[in-house]
All heavy atoms as atom14 arrays in JSON, in Angstrom:
{
  "sequence": "SNCQLVRSCFASDWRPVEVHFEHGEEGDTS",
  "atom14_mask": [
    [1, 1, 1, 1, 1, 1, 0, 0, 0, 0, 0, 0, 0, 0],
    [1, 1, 1, 1, 1, 1, 1, 1, 0, 0, 0, 0, 0, 0],
    [1, 1, 1, 1, 1, 1, 0, 0, 0, 0, 0, 0, 0, 0],
    [1, 1, 1, 1, 1, 1, 1, 1, 1, 0, 0, 0, 0, 0],
    [1, 1, 1, 1, 1, 1, 1, 1, 0, 0, 0, 0, 0, 0],
    [1, 1, 1, 1, 1, 1, 1, 0, 0, 0, 0, 0, 0, 0],
    [1, 1, 1, 1, 1, 1, 1, 1, 1, 1, 1, 0, 0, 0],
    [1, 1, 1, 1, 1, 1, 0, 0, 0, 0, 0, 0, 0, 0],
    [1, 1, 1, 1, 1, 1, 0, 0, 0, 0, 0, 0, 0, 0],
    [1, 1, 1, 1, 1, 1, 1, 1, 1, 1, 1, 0, 0, 0],
    [1, 1, 1, 1, 1, 0, 0, 0, 0, 0, 0, 0, 0, 0],
    [1, 1, 1, 1, 1, 1, 0, 0, 0, 0, 0, 0, 0, 0],
    [1, 1, 1, 1, 1, 1, 1, 1, 0, 0, 0, 0, 0, 0],
    [1, 1, 1, 1, 1, 1, 1, 1, 1, 1, 1, 1, 1, 1],
    [1, 1, 1, 1, 1, 1, 1, 1, 1, 1, 1, 0, 0, 0],
    [1, 1, 1, 1, 1, 1, 1, 0, 0, 0, 0, 0, 0, 0],
    [1, 1, 1, 1, 1, 1, 1, 0, 0, 0, 0, 0, 0, 0],
    [1, 1, 1, 1, 1, 1, 1, 1, 1, 0, 0, 0, 0, 0],
    [1, 1, 1, 1, 1, 1, 1, 0, 0, 0, 0, 0, 0, 0],
    [1, 1, 1, 1, 1, 1, 1, 1, 1, 1, 0, 0, 0, 0],
    [1, 1, 1, 1, 1, 1, 1, 1, 1, 1, 1, 0, 0, 0],
    [1, 1, 1, 1, 1, 1, 1, 1, 1, 0, 0, 0, 0, 0],
    [1, 1, 1, 1, 1, 1, 1, 1, 1, 1, 0, 0, 0, 0],
    [1, 1, 1, 1, 0, 0, 0, 0, 0, 0, 0, 0, 0, 0],
    [1, 1, 1, 1, 1, 1, 1, 1, 1, 0, 0, 0, 0, 0],
    [1, 1, 1, 1, 1, 1, 1, 1, 1, 0, 0, 0, 0, 0],
    [1, 1, 1, 1, 0, 0, 0, 0, 0, 0, 0, 0, 0, 0],
    [1, 1, 1, 1, 1, 1, 1, 1, 0, 0, 0, 0, 0, 0],
    [1, 1, 1, 1, 1, 1, 1, 0, 0, 0, 0, 0, 0, 0],
    [1, 1, 1, 1, 1, 1, 0, 0, 0, 0, 0, 0, 0, 0]
  ],
  "atom14_positions": [
    [[0.83, -1.21, 0.0], [0.0, 0.0, 0.0], [0.86, 1.26, 0.0], [0.53, 2.25, -0.67], [-0.95, 0.0, 1.2], [-0.23, -0.03, 2.42], [0.0, 0.0, 0.0], [0.0, 0.0, 0.0], [0.0, 0.0, 0.0], [0.0, 0.0, 0.0], [0.0, 0.0, 0.0], [0.0, 0.0, 0.0], [0.0, 0.0, 0.0], [0.0, 0.0, 0.0]],
    [[2.0, 1.23, 0.72], [2.87, 2.4, 0.72], [3.59, 2.56, -0.62], [3.88, 3.68, -1.05], [3.87, 2.32, 1.87], [3.27, 2.78, 3.18], [2.98, 3.94, 3.37], [3.06, 1.85, 4.1], [0.0, 0.0, 0.0], [0.0, 0.0, 0.0], [0.0, 0.0, 0.0], [0.0, 0.0, 0.0], [0.0, 0.0, 0.0], [0.0, 0.0, 0.0]],
    [[3.88, 1.46, -1.28], [4.44, 1.53, -2.63], [3.44, 2.18, -3.58], [3.79, 3.05, -4.39], [4.81, 0.13, -3.11], [5.53, 0.07, -4.77], [0.0, 0.0, 0.0], [0.0, 0.0, 0.0], [0.0, 0.0, 0.0], [0.0, 0.0, 0.0], [0.0, 0.0, 0.0], [0.0, 0.0, 0.0], [0.0, 0.0, 0.0], [0.0, 0.0, 0.0]],
    [[2.17, 1.77, -3.47], [1.12, 2.37, -4.29], [0.95, 3.84, -3.96], [0.68, 4.66, -4.85], [-0.19, 1.61, -4.08], [-0.19, 0.2, -4.62], [0.06, 0.16, -6.11], [1.17, -0.13, -6.55], [-0.94, 0.49, -6.89], [0.0, 0.0, 0.0], [0.0, 0.0, 0.0], [0.0, 0.0, 0.0], [0.0, 0.0, 0.0], [0.0, 0.0, 0.0]],
    [[1.09, 4.18, -2.69], [0.98, 5.57, -2.26], [2.05, 6.43, -2.94], [1.76, 7.52, -3.44], [1.13, 5.64, -0.74], [0.69, 6.91, -0.03], [-0.79, 7.15, -0.23], [1.01, 6.79, 1.46], [0.0, 0.0, 0.0], [0.0, 0.0, 0.0], [0.0, 0.0, 0.0], [0.0, 0.0, 0.0], [0.0, 0.0, 0.0], [0.0, 0.0, 0.0]],
    [[3.26, 5.92, -2.98], [4.35, 6.65, -3.64], [4.06, 6.83, -5.12], [4.22, 7.92, -5.68], [5.69, 5.9, -3.45], [6.78, 6.54, -4.3], [6.1, 5.91, -1.99], [0.0, 0.0, 0.0], [0.0, 0.0, 0.0], [0.0, 0.0, 0.0], [0.0, 0.0, 0.0], [0.0, 0.0, 0.0], [0.0, 0.0, 0.0], [0.0, 0.0, 0.0]],
    [[3.6, 5.76, -5.76], [3.38, 5.83, -7.21], [2.21, 6.74, -7.57], [2.21, 7.36, -8.64], [3.16, 4.43, -7.75], [4.44, 3.6, -7.75], [4.21, 2.15, -8.1], [5.48, 1.4, -8.1], [5.57, 0.09, -8.11], [4.45, -0.65, -8.12], [6.75, -0.5, -8.09], [0.0, 0.0, 0.0], [0.0, 0.0, 0.0], [0.0, 0.0, 0.0]],
    [[1.21, 6.83, -6.7], [0.07, 7.69, -7.01], [0.34, 9.15, -6.67], [-0.24, 10.04, -7.28], [-1.17, 7.22, -6.24], [-0.99, 7.33, -4.84], [0.0, 0.0, 0.0], [0.0, 0.0, 0.0], [0.0, 0.0, 0.0], [0.0, 0.0, 0.0], [0.0, 0.0, 0.0], [0.0, 0.0, 0.0], [0.0, 0.0, 0.0], [0.0, 0.0, 0.0]],
    [[1.25, 9.4, -5.72], [1.51, 10.78, -5.27], [2.77, 11.39, -5.87], [2.91, 12.62, -5.91], [1.62, 10.84, -3.76], [0.15, 10.31, -2.86], [0.0, 0.0, 0.0], [0.0, 0.0, 0.0], [0.0, 0.0, 0.0], [0.0, 0.0, 0.0], [0.0, 0.0, 0.0], [0.0, 0.0, 0.0], [0.0, 0.0, 0.0], [0.0, 0.0, 0.0]],
    [[3.72, 10.55, -6.32], [5.0, 11.07, -6.78], [5.37, 10.61, -8.19], [5.46, 11.43, -9.09], [6.1, 10.69, -5.78], [5.97, 11.38, -4.46], [5.3, 10.77, -3.4], [6.49, 12.65, -4.27], [5.16, 11.41, -2.18], [6.36, 13.3, -3.04], [5.69, 12.67, -2.0], [0.0, 0.0, 0.0], [0.0, 0.0, 0.0], [0.0, 0.0, 0.0]],
    [[5.61, 9.34, -8.38], [6.04, 8.86, -9.69], [5.49, 7.47, -9.95], [5.75, 6.55, -9.17], [7.57, 8.85, -9.78], [0.0, 0.0, 0.0], [0.0, 0.0, 0.0], [0.0, 0.0, 0.0], [0.0, 0.0, 0.0], [0.0, 0.0, 0.0], [0.0, 0.0, 0.0], [0.0, 0.0, 0.0], [0.0, 0.0, 0.0], [0.0, 0.0, 0.0]],
    [[4.73, 7.31, -11.03], [4.08, 6.02, -11.31], [5.08, 4.93, -11.62], [4.75, 3.74, -11.51], [3.11, 6.18, -12.49], [3.8, 6.61, -13.65], [0.0, 0.0, 0.0], [0.0, 0.0, 0.0], [0.0, 0.0, 0.0], [0.0, 0.0, 0.0], [0.0, 0.0, 0.0], [0.0, 0.0, 0.0], [0.0, 0.0, 0.0], [0.0, 0.0, 0.0]],
    [[6.3, 5.31, -12.02], [7.31, 4.31, -12.35], [8.32, 4.1, -11.22], [9.37, 3.49, -11.43], [8.06, 4.71, -13.62], [8.78, 6.05, -13.49], [8.52, 6.78, -12.5], [9.6, 6.38, -14.37], [0.0, 0.0, 0.0], [0.0, 0.0, 0.0], [0.0, 0.0, 0.0], [0.0, 0.0, 0.0], [0.0, 0.0, 0.0], [0.0, 0.0, 0.0]],
    [[7.99, 4.58, -10.01], [8.93, 4.46, -8.89], [9.17, 3.0, -8.53], [8.26, 2.18, -8.55], [8.38, 5.18, -7.66], [9.29, 5.09, -6.45], [10.42, 5.81, -6.22], [9.14, 4.22, -5.32], [10.98, 5.46, -5.02], [10.23, 4.49, -4.44], [8.2, 3.26, -4.96], [10.39, 3.81, -3.23], [8.36, 2.58, -3.76], [9.45, 2.86, -2.9]],
    [[10.41, 2.71, -8.24], [10.76, 1.37, -7.75], [11.86, 1.51, -6.71], [12.8, 2.29, -6.9], [11.21, 0.47, -8.89], [12.47, 0.93, -9.62], [12.86, -0.04, -10.71], [11.88, -0.07, -11.78], [11.9, -0.96, -12.78], [12.86, -1.9, -12.8], [11.01, -0.92, -13.73], [0.0, 0.0, 0.0], [0.0, 0.0, 0.0], [0.0, 0.0, 0.0]],
    [[11.76, 0.79, -5.61], [12.82, 0.83, -4.6], [14.04, 0.04, -5.07], [13.97, -0.71, -6.05], [12.17, 0.17, -3.38], [11.14, -0.74, -3.97], [10.64, -0.08, -5.22], [0.0, 0.0, 0.0], [0.0, 0.0, 0.0], [0.0, 0.0, 0.0], [0.0, 0.0, 0.0], [0.0, 0.0, 0.0], [0.0, 0.0, 0.0], [0.0, 0.0, 0.0]],
    [[15.15, 0.22, -4.37], [16.35, -0.56, -4.66], [16.16, -2.0, -4.2], [16.49, -2.95, -4.91], [17.59, 0.06, -3.97], [18.83, -0.8, -4.19], [17.82, 1.47, -4.49], [0.0, 0.0, 0.0], [0.0, 0.0, 0.0], [0.0, 0.0, 0.0], [0.0, 0.0, 0.0], [0.0, 0.0, 0.0], [0.0, 0.0, 0.0], [0.0, 0.0, 0.0]],
    [[15.6, -2.15, -3.0], [15.28, -3.46, -2.42], [14.07, -3.32, -1.52], [13.78, -2.23, -1.02], [16.44, -4.0, -1.57], [17.64, -4.5, -2.32], [18.73, -5.0, -1.38], [18.62, -4.81, -0.15], [19.69, -5.59, -1.88], [0.0, 0.0, 0.0], [0.0, 0.0, 0.0], [0.0, 0.0, 0.0], [0.0, 0.0, 0.0], [0.0, 0.0, 0.0]],
    [[13.4, -4.45, -1.31], [12.3, -4.52, -0.35], [12.61, -5.66, 0.61], [12.98, -6.76, 0.17], [10.94, -4.77, -1.04], [9.82, -4.84, 0.0], [10.65, -3.68, -2.07], [0.0, 0.0, 0.0], [0.0, 0.0, 0.0], [0.0, 0.0, 0.0], [0.0, 0.0, 0.0], [0.0, 0.0, 0.0], [0.0, 0.0, 0.0], [0.0, 0.0, 0.0]],
    [[12.49, -5.41, 1.91], [12.78, -6.42, 2.93], [11.5, -6.81, 3.66], [10.66, -5.95, 3.95], [13.77, -5.87, 3.96], [15.11, -5.53, 3.4], [16.14, -5.04, 4.18], [15.6, -5.63, 2.13], [17.2, -4.84, 3.42], [16.9, -5.17, 2.17], [0.0, 0.0, 0.0], [0.0, 0.0, 0.0], [0.0, 0.0, 0.0], [0.0, 0.0, 0.0]],
    [[11.39, -8.1, 3.98], [10.31, -8.6, 4.82], [10.9, -9.42, 5.96], [11.88, -10.15, 5.76], [9.33, -9.46, 4.02], [8.4, -8.68, 3.14], [8.57, -8.67, 1.77], [7.36, -7.95, 3.69], [7.72, -7.95, 0.95], [6.5, -7.22, 2.89], [6.68, -7.22, 1.51], [0.0, 0.0, 0.0], [0.0, 0.0, 0.0], [0.0, 0.0, 0.0]],
    [[10.27, -9.33, 7.13], [10.77, -10.1, 8.27], [10.3, -11.55, 8.24], [10.91, -12.4, 8.87], [10.36, -9.44, 9.59], [8.86, -9.31, 9.77], [8.48, -8.59, 11.04], [9.38, -8.26, 11.84], [7.28, -8.34, 11.24], [0.0, 0.0, 0.0], [0.0, 0.0, 0.0], [0.0, 0.0, 0.0], [0.0, 0.0, 0.0], [0.0, 0.0, 0.0]],
    [[9.23, -11.85, 7.53], [8.77, -13.23, 7.45], [9.5, -13.98, 6.34], [10.15, -13.38, 5.49], [7.25, -13.3, 7.24], [6.78, -12.6, 5.99], [6.34, -11.31, 5.99], [6.68, -13.02, 4.71], [5.98, -10.95, 4.77], [6.18, -11.98, 3.97], [0.0, 0.0, 0.0], [0.0, 0.0, 0.0], [0.0, 0.0, 0.0], [0.0, 0.0, 0.0]],
    [[9.38, -15.3, 6.36], [10.04, -16.13, 5.35], [9.26, -16.19, 4.05], [8.11, -15.72, 3.96], [0.0, 0.0, 0.0], [0.0, 0.0, 0.0], [0.0, 0.0, 0.0], [0.0, 0.0, 0.0], [0.0, 0.0, 0.0], [0.0, 0.0, 0.0], [0.0, 0.0, 0.0], [0.0, 0.0, 0.0], [0.0, 0.0, 0.0], [0.0, 0.0, 0.0]],
    [[9.88, -16.77, 3.03], [9.2, -16.94, 1.75], [8.02, -17.88, 1.92], [8.14, -18.93, 2.53], [10.16, -17.52, 0.71], [11.44, -16.75, 0.52], [12.57, -17.29, 1.36], [12.3, -17.71, 2.49], [13.71, -17.29, 0.88], [0.0, 0.0, 0.0], [0.0, 0.0, 0.0], [0.0, 0.0, 0.0], [0.0, 0.0, 0.0], [0.0, 0.0, 0.0]],
    [[6.88, -17.49, 1.37], [5.69, -18.34, 1.42], [5.0, -18.29, 0.07], [4.62, -17.23, -0.4], [4.73, -17.86, 2.53], [5.32, -17.97, 3.93], [4.3, -17.57, 5.0], [3.12, -17.88, 4.83], [4.71, -16.95, 5.99], [0.0, 0.0, 0.0], [0.0, 0.0, 0.0], [0.0, 0.0, 0.0], [0.0, 0.0, 0.0], [0.0, 0.0, 0.0]],
    [[4.85, -19.43, -0.53], [4.15, -19.5, -1.8], [4.95, -18.87, -2.94], [6.18, -18.85, -2.95], [0.0, 0.0, 0.0], [0.0, 0.0, 0.0], [0.0, 0.0, 0.0], [0.0, 0.0, 0.0], [0.0, 0.0, 0.0], [0.0, 0.0, 0.0], [0.0, 0.0, 0.0], [0.0, 0.0, 0.0], [0.0, 0.0, 0.0], [0.0, 0.0, 0.0]],
    [[4.23, -18.3, -3.91], [4.83, -17.71, -5.1], [5.28, -16.28, -4.78], [4.46, -15.37, -4.66], [3.81, -17.71, -6.24], [4.4, -17.16, -7.54], [5.63, -16.93, -7.58], [3.63, -16.95, -8.49], [0.0, 0.0, 0.0], [0.0, 0.0, 0.0], [0.0, 0.0, 0.0], [0.0, 0.0, 0.0], [0.0, 0.0, 0.0], [0.0, 0.0, 0.0]],
    [[6.58, -16.09, -4.65], [7.1, -14.76, -4.31], [7.27, -13.87, -5.53], [7.59, -12.69, -5.39], [8.46, -14.89, -3.6], [9.39, -15.55, -4.46], [8.31, -15.7, -2.31], [0.0, 0.0, 0.0], [0.0, 0.0, 0.0], [0.0, 0.0, 0.0], [0.0, 0.0, 0.0], [0.0, 0.0, 0.0], [0.0, 0.0, 0.0], [0.0, 0.0, 0.0]],
    [[7.05, -14.42, -6.72], [7.23, -13.6, -7.93], [6.21, -12.47, -8.0], [6.47, -11.43, -8.61], [7.12, -14.48, -9.18], [5.82, -15.07, -9.29], [0.0, 0.0, 0.0], [0.0, 0.0, 0.0], [0.0, 0.0, 0.0], [0.0, 0.0, 0.0], [0.0, 0.0, 0.0], [0.0, 0.0, 0.0], [0.0, 0.0, 0.0], [0.0, 0.0, 0.0]]
  ]
}
């Protein structure tokens, strides 16, 4: 949701360098 917030308020093509999650991989991470 915060990624969508950035793209709607600043730049639609915004992409972070990396995204981190504290939980493990579950299911299809693609």
